[in-house]
Amino acid sequence: MNTDKTLTPRLVKKLWLAFIVLIAIIGTSYIFITGYFSNKHSEATIQKINASLAEHLIEEKFQNASPFLEDGSVNKALFGDLMHDMMAVNRSIEVYLLDKKGSILYSVVLDHGDGSETKQVSLNPIKSFIASNGQEHILGDDPRNPNEKNIFSAAPYNVNGKEGYIYIVLAGQKLQQVSETLLGRYYSNLGIGGFLLAILFAGIIGYLSIWFLTKNLRLMTGTVKRFQEGDLEARIENPKGSDIEVFANAFNQMADSIVENMDKMKSVDLLRRELIANVSHDLRTPLAILKGYIETMQMKKDSLTEEEKQEYLQITYDNADKLSKLINQLFEYSKLEAEQITPIKEPFSITELSHDLIAKFRVLAQRKQIDLQLNNAQNNSIVFADVGLVERALQNLLENAIKYTPSGGKVTLSLNPKNDQVEISIQDTGTGIPLSEQPFIFDRYKQVVTSSKKQGHGLGLAIVKKIMDLHDTTITVLSKPTEGSSFIFQLPAYQV
């Protein structure tokens, strides 16, 4: 069976020990239970066969001779002959003459006793025996063994005005001595045989039981070892049909989680490298510009006109602002990626938030001569979401829309209630996004090729995607080159 290769030796030893102990207990219990009931069966058989013995003795012996002499004393000679005749047939029989109160008047065996015998016999078992005509197994007092009960035969007598009972113990002291000797040998022989059989059956049953009971455990252990050795596809097949379904399902789920986490780690590591490379590139450009203009101002501070100084300072400020925004985006995205931000959802007016954002970006739009509009502003739409995160998402979408819309274009923020949802869309008339690039625009720092040059969307759309994920919703992009783009998502409406 080779269980030591798939199971721990300690477990196998415990299983073997448990089976040996169990079978030993069962065997011992069987021996004693069998002996006990065999003895009871033997007693009941002897008592039922000899049930009428006392009655026959009274009918046959007391008709020819009285058990009492003329002076009222017991006829000991009669009882001596009686015991001699009966013991010739059965040496275990003991005959007692009782009065009507159960007191022992005479018995041959008491004349040779050791003085520890009782002088009284309980009448309740005798009366029950007589009432059942000897058909029930009833134990009565044993005068020679006061603390024990014995099988008996009894019958009432009425001779010369004297009443009482003939009480015959059917399994006397001699029978008990012989029986105890034989019973000891029986238990000894049966015990040795039972022990040998227990060892034999323990070996056979233990071997088969351990093999059968640990079949699924061996399979699971082997699968775990395969997984440990690098077979990441190793799974426990048909867990529902296993005796250890809970453990099989737990292992399969754990293995799936480990593989999924490993894939995620590989993907995260790859994307981290791409992110660092892209961010480093974008950080390098404004830093180089800042450094160049600062060095120019230091070298030519005496020859630069006031207008040139102001122009250089403005360029320096713009690039510093660009650096600040990029660093803030990187910090914000890293927190979203690490799931350190938990949305605090509450009802708020998406209409009022949209008005505030339109007012905020109107100056920037007018500077680029872009028409910035809000549709369906007359309906006050209430949504249930995190107001701060939603504001950040809308802000990023509006910034991108204005950034990629040429002068004379239009950007529209629309709110459309639909059943239990509010649909929010930002539409522009910009350069659009090529179809081949649209599936990737929400990736971290994805650059889109437009008008024969690369334009970096930075982390803005990736942050929007993470915010939508936190709200259990999706964002969709509809775009055609030269026809502009639309970004659409939905938030749950709040029912007042």
Protein backbone atom coordinates (compact mmCIF):
# COMPACT_ATOMS: atom_id res chain seq x y z
CA MET A 1 0.00 0.00 0.00
CA ASN A 2 3.01 2.30 0.56
CA THR A 3 1.07 4.58 2.86
CA ASP A 4 4.33 5.89 4.33
CA LYS A 5 5.04 7.64 1.03
CA THR A 6 1.85 9.62 1.03
CA LEU A 7 0.86 9.76 4.71
CA THR A 8 2.83 10.56 7.81
CA PRO A 9 4.13 7.47 9.70
CA ARG A 10 2.59 8.85 12.89
CA LEU A 11 -0.88 8.86 11.31
CA VAL A 12 -0.48 5.29 10.04
CA LYS A 13 0.68 4.10 13.47
CA LYS A 14 -2.27 5.78 15.15
CA LEU A 15 -4.70 4.15 12.73
CA TRP A 16 -3.15 0.71 13.28
CA LEU A 17 -3.21 1.16 17.06
CA ALA A 18 -6.82 2.33 16.96
CA PHE A 19 -7.91 -0.75 15.00
CA ILE A 20 -6.02 -3.17 17.26
CA VAL A 21 -7.46 -1.62 20.43
CA LEU A 22 -10.94 -1.50 18.93
CA ILE A 23 -10.92 -5.13 17.87
CA ALA A 24 -9.39 -6.20 21.22
CA ILE A 25 -12.18 -4.40 23.06
CA ILE A 26 -14.81 -5.92 20.79
CA GLY A 27 -13.29 -9.41 21.21
CA THR A 28 -13.07 -9.15 24.99
CA SER A 29 -16.59 -7.81 25.22
CA TYR A 30 -17.83 -10.63 22.99
CA ILE A 31 -16.16 -13.26 25.19
CA PHE A 32 -17.69 -11.96 28.42
CA ILE A 33 -21.10 -11.26 26.91
CA THR A 34 -21.17 -14.73 25.32
CA GLY A 35 -20.13 -16.38 28.59
CA TYR A 36 -22.71 -14.40 30.56
CA PHE A 37 -25.65 -15.20 28.32
CA SER A 38 -24.52 -18.82 27.86
CA ASN A 39 -24.54 -19.21 31.63
CA LYS A 40 -27.99 -17.62 31.87
CA HIS A 41 -29.27 -19.88 29.12
CA SER A 42 -27.85 -22.93 30.87
CA GLU A 43 -29.45 -21.89 34.18
CA ALA A 44 -32.83 -21.30 32.56
CA THR A 45 -32.65 -24.67 30.80
CA ILE A 46 -31.77 -26.57 34.00
CA GLN A 47 -34.47 -24.77 35.97
CA LYS A 48 -37.15 -25.40 33.38
CA ILE A 49 -36.25 -29.11 33.08
CA ASN A 50 -36.30 -29.55 36.87
CA ALA A 51 -39.20 -27.17 37.58
CA SER A 52 -41.47 -29.93 38.88
CA LEU A 53 -38.77 -31.73 40.86
CA ALA A 54 -39.94 -30.43 44.26
CA GLU A 55 -43.55 -31.26 43.48
CA HIS A 56 -42.65 -34.84 42.44
CA LEU A 57 -40.62 -35.28 45.61
CA ILE A 58 -43.61 -34.33 47.76
CA GLU A 59 -45.97 -36.62 45.83
CA GLU A 60 -43.68 -39.66 45.87
CA LYS A 61 -41.88 -39.48 49.22
CA PHE A 62 -44.28 -37.74 51.58
CA GLN A 63 -47.11 -40.17 50.82
CA ASN A 64 -45.18 -43.10 52.31
CA ALA A 65 -43.41 -41.23 55.11
CA SER A 66 -43.95 -37.99 56.89
CA PRO A 67 -41.16 -35.41 56.98
CA PHE A 68 -41.98 -34.89 60.65
CA LEU A 69 -41.83 -37.34 63.60
CA GLU A 70 -44.61 -37.71 66.15
CA ASP A 71 -42.96 -35.23 68.48
CA GLY A 72 -43.00 -32.64 65.69
CA SER A 73 -39.30 -32.77 64.97
CA VAL A 74 -37.88 -33.25 61.46
CA ASN A 75 -37.53 -36.78 60.19
CA LYS A 76 -33.79 -36.57 59.46
CA ALA A 77 -33.55 -40.20 58.40
CA LEU A 78 -36.11 -39.58 55.67
CA PHE A 79 -34.16 -36.60 54.38
CA GLY A 80 -30.91 -38.56 54.56
CA ASP A 81 -32.35 -41.34 52.36
CA LEU A 82 -33.92 -38.69 50.13
CA MET A 83 -30.62 -36.86 49.58
CA HIS A 84 -28.80 -40.18 49.01
CA ASP A 85 -31.26 -41.16 46.27
CA MET A 86 -31.24 -37.74 44.62
CA MET A 87 -27.47 -37.26 44.76
CA ALA A 88 -27.08 -40.59 43.01
CA VAL A 89 -28.75 -38.93 40.05
CA ASN A 90 -27.47 -35.34 40.49
CA ARG A 91 -24.78 -34.46 43.03
CA SER A 92 -25.40 -30.70 42.68
CA ILE A 93 -28.89 -30.77 44.15
CA GLU A 94 -29.51 -29.42 47.68
CA VAL A 95 -32.90 -29.99 49.39
CA TYR A 96 -34.24 -27.67 52.08
CA LEU A 97 -37.36 -28.06 54.29
CA LEU A 98 -38.92 -24.64 54.93
CA ASP A 99 -41.79 -23.59 57.12
CA LYS A 100 -44.49 -21.29 55.81
CA LYS A 101 -42.43 -18.21 56.79
CA GLY A 102 -39.34 -19.33 54.86
CA SER A 103 -37.27 -20.43 57.85
CA ILE A 104 -35.07 -23.47 57.15
CA LEU A 105 -36.23 -26.39 59.29
CA TYR A 106 -33.68 -28.89 58.00
CA SER A 107 -31.23 -29.76 55.22
CA VAL A 108 -28.63 -32.50 55.06
CA VAL A 109 -26.02 -30.10 53.60
CA LEU A 110 -26.37 -27.72 56.57
CA ASP A 111 -25.26 -30.45 58.96
CA HIS A 112 -21.86 -30.35 57.25
CA GLY A 113 -21.72 -26.63 56.63
CA ASP A 114 -19.18 -24.10 57.89
CA GLY A 115 -21.68 -22.08 59.90
CA SER A 116 -21.93 -19.21 57.44
CA GLU A 117 -25.24 -20.42 56.00
CA THR A 118 -28.43 -18.42 56.35
CA LYS A 119 -31.43 -19.77 58.25
CA GLN A 120 -34.01 -17.91 56.22
CA VAL A 121 -35.04 -18.03 52.54
CA SER A 122 -36.99 -15.25 50.87
CA LEU A 123 -40.49 -16.37 49.92
CA ASN A 124 -41.10 -13.84 47.13
CA PRO A 125 -39.09 -15.74 44.46
CA ILE A 126 -40.72 -18.99 45.64
CA LYS A 127 -44.24 -17.61 45.31
CA SER A 128 -43.44 -16.17 41.88
CA PHE A 129 -42.00 -19.49 40.76
CA ILE A 130 -45.09 -21.41 41.95
CA ALA A 131 -47.41 -18.86 40.32
CA SER A 132 -45.66 -19.28 36.95
CA ASN A 133 -45.70 -23.10 37.25
CA GLY A 134 -41.92 -23.03 36.87
CA GLN A 135 -42.05 -21.57 33.34
CA GLU A 136 -40.12 -18.42 34.19
CA HIS A 137 -36.41 -18.08 34.92
CA ILE A 138 -36.39 -16.95 38.57
CA LEU A 139 -33.44 -16.87 40.93
CA GLY A 140 -33.83 -17.48 44.63
CA ASP A 141 -31.68 -17.35 47.75
CA ASP A 142 -28.74 -19.74 48.09
CA PRO A 143 -28.57 -20.64 51.80
CA ARG A 144 -24.94 -21.75 51.57
CA ASN A 145 -23.89 -18.57 49.71
CA PRO A 146 -25.87 -15.74 51.31
CA ASN A 147 -24.65 -13.08 48.84
CA GLU A 148 -25.57 -15.02 45.71
CA LYS A 149 -28.72 -16.09 43.89
CA ASN A 150 -29.34 -19.50 42.40
CA ILE A 151 -31.83 -21.48 40.31
CA PHE A 152 -34.26 -23.61 42.27
CA SER A 153 -37.40 -25.73 42.28
CA ALA A 154 -40.07 -25.29 44.95
CA ALA A 155 -43.47 -26.68 45.90
CA PRO A 156 -45.76 -26.21 48.93
CA TYR A 157 -46.59 -29.02 51.35
CA ASN A 158 -49.30 -29.57 54.00
CA VAL A 159 -48.62 -32.58 56.20
CA ASN A 160 -50.31 -33.28 59.52
CA GLY A 161 -51.35 -29.70 59.85
CA LYS A 162 -47.86 -28.42 59.14
CA GLU A 163 -47.40 -26.13 56.12
CA GLY A 164 -44.30 -25.01 54.34
CA TYR A 165 -42.19 -25.48 51.21
CA ILE A 166 -39.76 -27.95 49.78
CA TYR A 167 -36.95 -25.76 48.36
CA ILE A 168 -34.42 -27.44 46.07
CA VAL A 169 -31.31 -25.56 44.92
CA LEU A 170 -30.56 -26.98 41.47
CA ALA A 171 -27.00 -25.67 41.12
CA GLY A 172 -25.45 -26.36 44.46
CA GLN A 173 -22.01 -25.52 45.76
CA LYS A 174 -20.30 -28.45 44.09
CA LEU A 175 -21.75 -27.54 40.70
CA GLN A 176 -20.67 -23.96 41.17
CA GLN A 177 -17.13 -25.00 42.04
CA VAL A 178 -16.89 -27.22 38.99
CA SER A 179 -18.57 -24.57 36.86
CA GLU A 180 -16.14 -21.87 38.01
CA THR A 181 -13.18 -24.09 37.19
CA LEU A 182 -14.52 -24.93 33.74
CA LEU A 183 -15.56 -21.34 33.14
CA GLY A 184 -12.06 -20.14 33.99
CA ARG A 185 -10.62 -22.58 31.48
CA TYR A 186 -13.27 -21.48 28.96
CA TYR A 187 -12.34 -17.82 29.35
CA SER A 188 -8.64 -18.66 29.25
CA ASN A 189 -8.89 -20.74 26.08
CA LEU A 190 -11.34 -18.37 24.48
CA GLY A 191 -9.23 -15.39 25.54
CA ILE A 192 -6.10 -16.77 23.90
CA GLY A 193 -8.01 -17.73 20.80
CA GLY A 194 -9.83 -14.45 20.75
CA PHE A 195 -6.57 -12.52 21.13
CA LEU A 196 -4.98 -14.38 18.23
CA LEU A 197 -8.09 -13.88 16.11
CA ALA A 198 -8.16 -10.20 17.11
CA ILE A 199 -4.56 -9.78 15.94
CA LEU A 200 -5.34 -11.58 12.69
CA PHE A 201 -8.53 -9.63 11.99
CA ALA A 202 -6.88 -6.39 13.11
CA GLY A 203 -4.17 -6.95 10.53
CA ILE A 204 -6.59 -7.79 7.71
CA ILE A 205 -9.28 -5.24 8.58
CA GLY A 206 -6.68 -2.60 9.48
CA TYR A 207 -4.88 -3.04 6.16
CA LEU A 208 -8.10 -2.85 4.14
CA SER A 209 -9.62 -0.07 6.26
CA ILE A 210 -6.53 2.14 6.22
CA TRP A 211 -6.23 1.66 2.47
CA PHE A 212 -9.91 2.45 1.94
CA LEU A 213 -10.29 5.27 4.46
CA THR A 214 -7.11 7.04 3.41
CA LYS A 215 -7.63 6.64 -0.33
CA ASN A 216 -8.84 10.20 -0.81
CA LEU A 217 -6.33 11.51 1.74
CA ARG A 218 -3.49 9.86 -0.20
CA LEU A 219 -4.81 11.39 -3.40
CA MET A 220 -4.96 14.82 -1.78
CA THR A 221 -1.48 14.44 -0.28
CA GLY A 222 -0.04 13.42 -3.65
CA THR A 223 -1.73 16.37 -5.35
CA VAL A 224 -0.35 18.76 -2.72
CA LYS A 225 3.16 17.38 -3.25
CA ARG A 226 2.83 17.79 -7.02
CA PHE A 227 1.75 21.39 -6.49
CA GLN A 228 4.64 21.90 -4.06
CA GLU A 229 7.09 20.54 -6.64
CA GLY A 230 5.97 23.11 -9.22
CA ASP A 231 2.97 21.58 -11.00
CA LEU A 232 0.72 24.62 -10.64
CA GLU A 233 -2.05 22.90 -12.63
CA ALA A 234 -2.39 20.12 -10.03
CA ARG A 235 -5.92 19.99 -8.63
CA ILE A 236 -8.03 17.41 -6.77
CA GLU A 237 -10.48 16.04 -9.31
CA ASN A 238 -14.17 15.56 -8.51
CA PRO A 239 -14.06 17.02 -4.97
CA LYS A 240 -17.81 16.45 -4.51
CA GLY A 241 -17.30 12.70 -4.76
CA SER A 242 -14.54 12.75 -2.16
CA ASP A 243 -14.88 11.82 1.51
CA ILE A 244 -12.97 15.00 2.32
CA GLU A 245 -14.94 17.37 0.10
CA VAL A 246 -14.35 20.38 2.36
CA PHE A 247 -10.57 19.93 2.33
CA ALA A 248 -10.51 19.16 -1.40
CA ASN A 249 -12.46 22.32 -2.23
CA ALA A 250 -10.31 24.34 0.16
CA PHE A 251 -7.12 23.11 -1.49
CA ASN A 252 -8.42 23.74 -5.02
CA GLN A 253 -9.51 27.26 -4.07
CA MET A 254 -6.19 27.90 -2.34
CA ALA A 255 -4.27 26.67 -5.39
CA ASP A 256 -6.37 28.85 -7.69
CA SER A 257 -5.76 31.85 -5.43
CA ILE A 258 -2.01 31.21 -5.34
CA VAL A 259 -1.79 30.90 -9.13
CA GLU A 260 -3.99 33.97 -9.59
CA ASN A 261 -1.87 35.97 -7.14
CA MET A 262 1.30 34.83 -8.87
CA ASP A 263 -0.11 35.96 -12.23
CA LYS A 264 -1.14 39.25 -10.68
CA MET A 265 2.31 39.73 -9.19
CA LYS A 266 3.92 39.08 -12.57
CA SER A 267 1.49 41.47 -14.24
CA VAL A 268 1.98 44.10 -11.53
CA ASP A 269 5.74 43.79 -11.79
CA LEU A 270 5.63 44.21 -15.57
CA LEU A 271 3.27 47.17 -15.37
CA ARG A 272 5.35 48.67 -12.55
CA ARG A 273 8.39 48.64 -14.78
CA GLU A 274 6.43 50.18 -17.65
CA LEU A 275 4.97 52.79 -15.30
CA ILE A 276 8.38 53.74 -13.92
CA ALA A 277 9.79 53.99 -17.43
CA ASN A 278 6.92 56.16 -18.67
CA VAL A 279 6.77 58.38 -15.59
CA SER A 280 10.55 58.77 -15.63
CA HIS A 281 10.34 59.90 -19.24
CA ASP A 282 7.67 62.50 -18.52
CA LEU A 283 9.43 63.69 -15.38
CA ARG A 284 12.67 64.06 -17.27
CA THR A 285 11.20 66.43 -19.89
CA PRO A 286 9.83 69.17 -17.60
CA LEU A 287 12.86 68.83 -15.32
CA ALA A 288 15.18 69.35 -18.29
CA ILE A 289 13.15 72.40 -19.36
CA LEU A 290 13.20 73.79 -15.81
CA LYS A 291 16.93 73.26 -15.55
CA GLY A 292 17.58 74.79 -19.00
CA TYR A 293 15.60 77.97 -18.40
CA ILE A 294 16.99 78.43 -14.89
CA GLU A 295 20.53 78.06 -16.20
CA THR A 296 19.77 80.53 -19.04
CA MET A 297 18.40 83.05 -16.56
CA GLN A 298 21.50 82.66 -14.39
CA MET A 299 23.92 83.00 -17.31
CA LYS A 300 22.13 85.87 -19.10
CA LYS A 301 20.51 87.67 -16.18
CA ASP A 302 22.13 90.96 -17.14
CA SER A 303 21.30 90.76 -20.87
CA LEU A 304 17.69 89.49 -20.71
CA THR A 305 14.91 91.98 -21.14
CA GLU A 306 12.06 92.16 -18.63
CA GLU A 307 9.69 90.56 -21.12
CA GLU A 308 12.06 87.63 -21.66
CA LYS A 309 12.47 87.15 -17.90
CA GLN A 310 8.69 87.01 -17.46
CA GLU A 311 8.38 84.54 -20.35
CA TYR A 312 11.10 82.29 -18.88
CA LEU A 313 9.51 82.46 -15.43
CA GLN A 314 6.10 81.52 -16.87
CA ILE A 315 7.60 78.53 -18.70
CA THR A 316 9.36 77.49 -15.50
CA TYR A 317 6.11 77.81 -13.52
CA ASP A 318 4.12 75.80 -16.10
CA ASN A 319 6.62 72.93 -16.05
CA ALA A 320 6.78 72.96 -12.25
CA ASP A 321 2.97 72.82 -12.21
CA LYS A 322 3.06 69.92 -14.66
CA LEU A 323 5.53 68.09 -12.41
CA SER A 324 3.34 68.73 -9.37
CA LYS A 325 0.24 67.36 -11.12
CA LEU A 326 2.09 64.29 -12.36
CA ILE A 327 3.45 63.51 -8.90
CA ASN A 328 0.00 64.01 -7.35
CA GLN A 329 -1.52 61.65 -9.94
CA LEU A 330 1.14 59.04 -9.26
CA PHE A 331 0.56 59.27 -5.51
CA GLU A 332 -3.24 59.07 -5.95
CA TYR A 333 -3.06 56.10 -8.30
CA SER A 334 -0.67 54.22 -6.03
CA LYS A 335 -3.17 54.51 -3.16
CA LEU A 336 -6.00 53.27 -5.40
CA GLU A 337 -3.85 50.42 -6.66
CA ALA A 338 -2.96 49.40 -3.10
CA GLU A 339 -6.67 49.53 -2.14
CA GLN A 340 -5.93 52.06 0.58
CA ILE A 341 -8.96 54.14 -0.38
CA THR A 342 -12.42 53.01 0.74
CA PRO A 343 -15.37 54.83 -0.84
CA ILE A 344 -17.67 56.60 1.62
CA LYS A 345 -20.99 56.49 -0.20
CA GLU A 346 -23.73 59.00 0.50
CA PRO A 347 -26.56 60.66 -1.43
CA PHE A 348 -25.59 63.89 -3.20
CA SER A 349 -26.71 65.98 -6.15
CA ILE A 350 -24.71 65.08 -9.23
CA THR A 351 -26.36 68.07 -10.92
CA GLU A 352 -24.93 70.56 -8.42
CA LEU A 353 -21.50 68.90 -8.64
CA SER A 354 -21.61 69.17 -12.43
CA HIS A 355 -22.48 72.89 -12.25
CA ASP A 356 -19.47 73.48 -9.98
CA LEU A 357 -17.11 71.59 -12.33
CA ILE A 358 -18.40 73.43 -15.41
CA ALA A 359 -17.81 76.75 -13.65
CA LYS A 360 -14.32 75.59 -12.64
CA PHE A 361 -13.25 74.59 -16.17
CA ARG A 362 -15.06 77.38 -18.06
CA VAL A 363 -12.06 79.76 -17.85
CA LEU A 364 -9.73 77.08 -19.27
CA ALA A 365 -12.25 76.28 -22.02
CA GLN A 366 -12.71 79.91 -22.96
CA ARG A 367 -8.93 80.34 -23.12
CA LYS A 368 -8.90 77.60 -25.80
CA GLN A 369 -12.11 78.94 -27.38
CA ILE A 370 -13.98 75.73 -26.55
CA ASP A 371 -17.73 75.70 -25.91
CA LEU A 372 -18.28 73.92 -22.52
CA GLN A 373 -21.92 72.92 -21.88
CA LEU A 374 -24.04 71.06 -19.30
CA ASN A 375 -27.11 69.18 -20.60
CA ASN A 376 -30.26 68.32 -18.61
CA ALA A 377 -29.23 70.66 -15.82
CA GLN A 378 -32.87 71.47 -15.07
CA ASN A 379 -33.44 68.04 -13.47
CA ASN A 380 -31.85 67.66 -10.04
CA SER A 381 -30.42 64.10 -10.10
CA ILE A 382 -29.42 62.51 -6.78
CA VAL A 383 -26.94 59.63 -6.79
CA PHE A 384 -25.55 57.38 -4.05
CA ALA A 385 -21.74 57.40 -4.30
CA ASP A 386 -18.54 58.89 -2.90
CA VAL A 387 -18.77 62.57 -3.83
CA GLY A 388 -15.00 63.14 -3.61
CA LEU A 389 -14.08 60.23 -5.86
CA VAL A 390 -16.82 61.03 -8.41
CA GLU A 391 -15.66 64.65 -8.52
CA ARG A 392 -12.09 63.46 -9.16
CA ALA A 393 -13.23 61.17 -12.00
CA LEU A 394 -15.29 63.93 -13.68
CA GLN A 395 -12.42 66.37 -13.30
CA ASN A 396 -9.98 64.00 -15.05
CA LEU A 397 -12.45 63.35 -17.88
CA LEU A 398 -13.12 67.07 -18.42
CA GLU A 399 -9.39 67.86 -18.38
CA ASN A 400 -8.73 65.23 -21.06
CA ALA A 401 -11.71 66.36 -23.14
CA ILE A 402 -10.57 70.02 -23.13
CA LYS A 403 -6.95 68.99 -23.68
CA TYR A 404 -7.67 67.02 -26.86
CA THR A 405 -10.37 69.29 -28.30
CA PRO A 406 -9.07 71.91 -30.75
CA SER A 407 -10.10 75.60 -30.70
CA GLY A 408 -13.65 76.12 -31.83
CA GLY A 409 -14.68 72.68 -30.57
CA LYS A 410 -17.26 71.66 -28.01
CA VAL A 411 -17.28 69.66 -24.76
CA THR A 412 -20.60 68.55 -23.25
CA LEU A 413 -21.34 67.03 -19.83
CA SER A 414 -24.73 65.27 -19.90
CA LEU A 415 -26.89 63.80 -17.11
CA ASN A 416 -29.58 61.30 -18.12
CA PRO A 417 -31.74 59.55 -15.46
CA LYS A 418 -32.54 55.96 -16.50
CA ASN A 419 -34.75 53.95 -14.14
CA ASP A 420 -32.67 53.38 -10.98
CA GLN A 421 -29.47 54.73 -12.57
CA VAL A 422 -28.14 58.11 -13.68
CA GLU A 423 -26.07 57.98 -16.87
CA ILE A 424 -23.22 60.51 -17.00
CA SER A 425 -21.37 61.22 -20.25
CA ILE A 426 -18.58 63.60 -21.31
CA GLN A 427 -18.55 64.17 -25.06
CA ASP A 428 -16.02 66.18 -27.04
CA THR A 429 -15.37 67.06 -30.69
CA GLY A 430 -11.66 66.42 -30.46
CA THR A 431 -9.26 64.32 -32.45
CA GLY A 432 -10.80 61.00 -31.34
CA ILE A 433 -9.09 57.73 -30.45
CA PRO A 434 -8.10 55.06 -33.00
CA LEU A 435 -10.16 51.86 -32.68
CA SER A 436 -7.03 49.78 -32.16
CA GLU A 437 -6.09 51.90 -29.12
CA GLN A 438 -9.49 52.14 -27.43
CA PRO A 439 -9.22 48.84 -25.43
CA PHE A 440 -6.01 50.11 -23.79
CA ILE A 441 -6.71 53.74 -22.96
CA PHE A 442 -7.50 52.92 -19.31
CA ASP A 443 -4.19 51.14 -18.83
CA ARG A 444 -1.63 52.84 -16.66
CA TYR A 445 0.17 55.57 -18.56
CA LYS A 446 -0.96 54.36 -21.98
CA GLN A 447 0.13 56.59 -24.84
CA VAL A 448 -2.18 57.00 -27.83
CA VAL A 449 -0.94 57.83 -31.27
CA THR A 450 -2.87 60.73 -32.80
CA SER A 451 -1.93 62.98 -35.70
CA SER A 452 1.35 61.09 -36.28
CA LYS A 453 2.62 61.74 -32.74
CA LYS A 454 2.31 60.16 -29.32
CA GLN A 455 0.20 61.85 -26.70
CA GLY A 456 0.38 60.60 -23.16
CA HIS A 457 -2.88 60.31 -21.26
CA GLY A 458 -0.83 59.92 -18.09
CA LEU A 459 -2.61 58.35 -15.13
CA GLY A 460 -5.84 60.34 -15.43
CA LEU A 461 -7.95 57.67 -17.18
CA ALA A 462 -6.38 54.86 -15.13
CA ILE A 463 -7.49 56.71 -11.97
CA VAL A 464 -11.00 57.09 -13.43
CA LYS A 465 -11.13 53.33 -14.09
CA LYS A 466 -10.10 52.53 -10.50
CA ILE A 467 -12.76 54.91 -9.14
CA MET A 468 -15.41 53.20 -11.28
CA ASP A 469 -14.26 49.80 -9.96
CA LEU A 470 -14.69 51.05 -6.40
CA HIS A 471 -18.31 51.94 -7.27
CA ASP A 472 -18.99 48.58 -8.94
CA THR A 473 -19.68 50.21 -12.28
CA THR A 474 -17.94 50.38 -15.66
CA ILE A 475 -16.90 53.22 -17.94
CA THR A 476 -17.33 52.94 -21.70
CA VAL A 477 -15.60 54.91 -24.45
CA LEU A 478 -17.18 55.62 -27.85
CA SER A 479 -14.83 57.28 -30.27
CA LYS A 480 -13.99 57.69 -33.96
CA PRO A 481 -10.90 59.44 -35.33
CA THR A 482 -11.58 63.13 -36.15
CA GLU A 483 -15.14 62.85 -34.75
CA GLY A 484 -14.39 63.13 -31.04
CA SER A 485 -14.95 60.84 -28.07
CA SER A 486 -17.62 60.07 -25.47
CA PHE A 487 -16.93 58.61 -22.02
CA ILE A 488 -20.04 57.11 -20.38
CA PHE A 489 -20.67 55.61 -16.95
CA GLN A 490 -23.62 55.12 -14.59
CA LEU A 491 -24.18 55.66 -10.88
CA PRO A 492 -27.08 54.35 -8.76
CA ALA A 493 -29.88 56.88 -8.34
CA TYR A 494 -30.92 57.67 -4.78
CA GLN A 495 -34.66 57.40 -4.19
CA VAL A 496 -35.81 60.13 -1.85
